[in-house]
Protein backbone atom coordinates (compact mmCIF):
# COMPACT_ATOMS: atom_id res chain seq x y z
CA LYS A 1 4.69 8.52 -19.89
CA LEU A 2 6.55 5.83 -18.17
CA ARG A 3 7.91 5.04 -14.27
CA MET A 4 9.04 2.24 -12.79
CA ARG A 5 9.14 2.48 -8.48
CA TYR A 6 12.33 1.15 -7.52
CA ARG A 7 13.52 1.61 -3.51
CA ASN A 8 12.68 4.87 -2.48
CA GLY A 9 10.84 6.61 -5.48
CA TYR A 10 9.75 6.53 -8.76
CA HIS A 11 12.15 7.08 -12.25
CA TYR A 12 10.26 8.64 -15.34
CA ALA A 13 10.71 8.06 -18.64
CA GLU A 14 8.61 9.44 -21.53
CA VAL A 15 8.29 8.54 -25.35
CA ILE A 16 9.28 11.10 -27.86
CA GLU A 17 7.79 10.06 -31.59
CA ASP A 18 8.05 6.77 -31.66
CA ASP A 19 10.74 6.54 -29.27
CA LEU A 20 11.01 6.13 -25.48
CA ILE A 21 13.53 7.66 -23.99
CA TYR A 22 15.38 7.72 -20.56
CA GLY A 23 17.99 10.12 -19.12
CA GLY A 24 18.49 11.72 -22.74
CA GLU A 25 18.25 7.96 -24.25
CA LYS A 26 16.69 5.78 -26.77
CA VAL A 27 15.96 2.88 -24.67
CA SER A 28 13.72 -0.13 -25.28
CA PRO A 29 11.31 -0.98 -21.69
CA SER A 30 13.75 -3.68 -20.89
CA GLU A 31 16.90 -1.46 -20.72
CA PHE A 32 15.00 1.11 -19.25
CA THR A 33 14.13 -1.45 -16.35
CA PHE A 34 17.84 -2.60 -16.43
CA LYS A 35 19.45 0.21 -16.45
CA VAL A 36 17.31 1.41 -13.08
CA THR A 37 17.72 -1.99 -11.23
CA ASN A 38 20.92 -3.28 -12.38
CA THR A 39 18.45 -6.55 -13.08
CA SER A 40 17.08 -8.78 -15.44
CA ARG A 41 13.25 -7.88 -14.48
CA ASN A 42 9.62 -7.91 -16.39
CA ALA A 43 8.93 -5.08 -17.61
CA TRP A 44 5.20 -5.75 -18.43
CA ARG A 45 4.86 -5.75 -14.69
CA ASP A 46 6.98 -3.16 -13.16
CA ILE A 47 6.50 -0.18 -15.68
CA GLU A 48 3.45 2.16 -14.96
CA VAL A 49 1.72 3.54 -18.20
CA MET A 50 0.65 6.88 -18.30
CA ARG A 51 -0.83 7.66 -21.47
CA PRO A 52 -2.51 11.42 -22.17
CA ASN A 53 -5.87 10.52 -21.80
CA ASP A 54 -5.93 8.87 -17.95
CA SER A 55 -6.55 9.75 -15.25
CA GLN A 56 -4.09 7.56 -12.64
CA TRP A 57 -1.34 5.00 -14.13
CA ARG A 58 -1.45 1.64 -15.15
CA VAL A 59 0.05 -1.74 -15.19
CA ALA A 60 1.09 -1.92 -18.40
CA ASP A 61 0.71 -5.42 -18.24
CA ILE A 62 -3.13 -5.48 -17.48
CA LEU A 63 -3.09 -2.89 -20.89
CA ARG A 64 -1.69 -4.57 -23.10
CA ARG A 65 -3.78 -7.52 -21.68
CA ALA A 66 -6.90 -5.06 -21.72
CA GLU A 67 -6.17 -4.37 -25.27
């Protein structure tokens, strides 16, 4: 699962098979952040990820650097 905090709350997306789904639509991580904020953002820094075996949310950029 993915989430992004914006203004007063969180917005969630999920990976189904190989697709990222937000609001019932297939999107890229960049499109997810744009649909939430209506501005261009760095998705690596704005999105948090919860993988199936994780116990807490992690910033996507930190996961990317660890791999």
